[in-house]
Amino acid sequence: MQEWLDLAAAGLQEGKAHMEVVSVLKDEHGIGHGHANAIVAYVKQKLA
């Protein structure tokens, strides 16, 4: 789980859009859309 949180944080900090990061989690890590979206939303809120 921490690896996915770190990947999401890195992607967002690099300036990638929310859905770009969701797509990476889905395509490269096999996470379902809902879970990937929740991870990115959580990280986005923590970085704000």
N, C-alpha and C. Protein backbone atom coordinates (compact mmCIF):
# COMPACT_ATOMS: atom_id res chain seq x y z
N MET A 1 0.82 -1.19 0.00
CA MET A 1 0.00 0.00 0.00
C MET A 1 0.87 1.26 0.00
N GLN A 2 1.91 1.26 0.83
CA GLN A 2 2.78 2.44 0.90
C GLN A 2 3.42 2.74 -0.44
N GLU A 3 3.76 1.70 -1.19
CA GLU A 3 4.35 1.90 -2.51
C GLU A 3 3.38 2.67 -3.42
N TRP A 4 2.11 2.32 -3.37
CA TRP A 4 1.10 3.00 -4.19
C TRP A 4 0.91 4.44 -3.74
N LEU A 5 0.91 4.66 -2.44
CA LEU A 5 0.79 6.03 -1.92
C LEU A 5 1.99 6.87 -2.37
N ASP A 6 3.17 6.29 -2.30
CA ASP A 6 4.38 6.99 -2.73
C ASP A 6 4.36 7.29 -4.22
N LEU A 7 3.90 6.33 -5.03
CA LEU A 7 3.80 6.54 -6.47
C LEU A 7 2.82 7.66 -6.79
N ALA A 8 1.70 7.65 -6.11
CA ALA A 8 0.70 8.70 -6.33
C ALA A 8 1.26 10.06 -5.95
N ALA A 9 1.93 10.13 -4.81
CA ALA A 9 2.51 11.40 -4.36
C ALA A 9 3.55 11.89 -5.36
N ALA A 10 4.40 11.01 -5.82
CA ALA A 10 5.43 11.40 -6.78
C ALA A 10 4.81 11.92 -8.07
N GLY A 11 3.81 11.21 -8.57
CA GLY A 11 3.15 11.63 -9.80
C GLY A 11 2.50 12.99 -9.66
N LEU A 12 1.80 13.20 -8.57
CA LEU A 12 1.14 14.50 -8.35
C LEU A 12 2.15 15.61 -8.18
N GLN A 13 3.25 15.34 -7.48
CA GLN A 13 4.28 16.36 -7.27
C GLN A 13 5.02 16.68 -8.56
N GLU A 14 5.03 15.74 -9.51
CA GLU A 14 5.64 15.99 -10.82
C GLU A 14 4.72 16.79 -11.72
N GLY A 15 3.50 17.03 -11.26
CA GLY A 15 2.56 17.82 -12.04
C GLY A 15 1.60 17.01 -12.89
N LYS A 16 1.61 15.69 -12.72
CA LYS A 16 0.66 14.86 -13.47
C LYS A 16 -0.75 15.12 -12.97
N ALA A 17 -1.69 15.02 -13.89
CA ALA A 17 -3.10 15.20 -13.55
C ALA A 17 -3.60 14.00 -12.74
N HIS A 18 -4.65 14.23 -11.98
CA HIS A 18 -5.26 13.19 -11.14
C HIS A 18 -5.47 11.90 -11.93
N MET A 19 -6.13 12.01 -13.09
CA MET A 19 -6.46 10.81 -13.86
C MET A 19 -5.24 10.16 -14.49
N GLU A 20 -4.19 10.92 -14.74
CA GLU A 20 -2.94 10.32 -15.23
C GLU A 20 -2.36 9.39 -14.17
N VAL A 21 -2.38 9.83 -12.93
CA VAL A 21 -1.85 9.02 -11.83
C VAL A 21 -2.75 7.80 -11.61
N VAL A 22 -4.05 8.00 -11.70
CA VAL A 22 -4.99 6.86 -11.60
C VAL A 22 -4.66 5.83 -12.68
N SER A 23 -4.43 6.29 -13.89
CA SER A 23 -4.12 5.38 -15.00
C SER A 23 -2.84 4.58 -14.75
N VAL A 24 -1.83 5.22 -14.19
CA VAL A 24 -0.58 4.52 -13.88
C VAL A 24 -0.85 3.40 -12.87
N LEU A 25 -1.59 3.71 -11.82
CA LEU A 25 -1.90 2.69 -10.81
C LEU A 25 -2.70 1.54 -11.41
N LYS A 26 -3.62 1.86 -12.29
CA LYS A 26 -4.45 0.84 -12.93
C LYS A 26 -3.63 -0.01 -13.90
N ASP A 27 -2.94 0.66 -14.82
CA ASP A 27 -2.26 -0.03 -15.91
C ASP A 27 -0.98 -0.75 -15.49
N GLU A 28 -0.23 -0.16 -14.58
CA GLU A 28 1.06 -0.73 -14.21
C GLU A 28 1.02 -1.55 -12.93
N HIS A 29 -0.05 -1.40 -12.15
CA HIS A 29 -0.10 -2.09 -10.86
C HIS A 29 -1.36 -2.92 -10.67
N GLY A 30 -2.24 -2.93 -11.67
CA GLY A 30 -3.41 -3.78 -11.64
C GLY A 30 -4.46 -3.40 -10.61
N ILE A 31 -4.47 -2.16 -10.19
CA ILE A 31 -5.45 -1.71 -9.20
C ILE A 31 -6.74 -1.33 -9.94
N GLY A 32 -7.88 -1.65 -9.36
CA GLY A 32 -9.15 -1.27 -9.95
C GLY A 32 -9.34 0.23 -9.95
N HIS A 33 -10.22 0.71 -10.82
CA HIS A 33 -10.41 2.14 -10.98
C HIS A 33 -10.82 2.82 -9.67
N GLY A 34 -11.78 2.26 -8.96
CA GLY A 34 -12.26 2.89 -7.73
C GLY A 34 -11.18 3.00 -6.67
N HIS A 35 -10.41 1.95 -6.52
CA HIS A 35 -9.35 1.98 -5.51
C HIS A 35 -8.23 2.93 -5.92
N ALA A 36 -7.86 2.91 -7.20
CA ALA A 36 -6.81 3.82 -7.68
C ALA A 36 -7.25 5.27 -7.50
N ASN A 37 -8.49 5.55 -7.81
CA ASN A 37 -9.02 6.91 -7.66
C ASN A 37 -9.00 7.33 -6.20
N ALA A 38 -9.38 6.43 -5.32
CA ALA A 38 -9.39 6.74 -3.88
C ALA A 38 -7.98 7.00 -3.37
N ILE A 39 -7.01 6.23 -3.81
CA ILE A 39 -5.62 6.42 -3.40
C ILE A 39 -5.14 7.80 -3.82
N VAL A 40 -5.40 8.15 -5.07
CA VAL A 40 -4.93 9.45 -5.58
C VAL A 40 -5.65 10.60 -4.85
N ALA A 41 -6.94 10.47 -4.64
CA ALA A 41 -7.69 11.51 -3.92
C ALA A 41 -7.17 11.67 -2.51
N TYR A 42 -6.88 10.58 -1.84
CA TYR A 42 -6.34 10.62 -0.47
C TYR A 42 -5.00 11.35 -0.46
N VAL A 43 -4.11 10.95 -1.35
CA VAL A 43 -2.78 11.56 -1.39
C VAL A 43 -2.88 13.04 -1.76
N LYS A 44 -3.73 13.35 -2.71
CA LYS A 44 -3.92 14.74 -3.13
C LYS A 44 -4.34 15.61 -1.94
N GLN A 45 -5.25 15.09 -1.14
CA GLN A 45 -5.74 15.84 0.04
C GLN A 45 -4.61 15.99 1.06
N LYS A 46 -3.79 14.98 1.25
CA LYS A 46 -2.70 15.05 2.22
C LYS A 46 -1.61 16.02 1.77
N LEU A 47 -1.44 16.17 0.47
CA LEU A 47 -0.42 17.08 -0.05
C LEU A 47 -0.88 18.53 -0.05
N ALA A 48 -2.17 18.74 0.06
CA ALA A 48 -2.72 20.11 0.01
C ALA A 48 -2.37 20.92 1.24
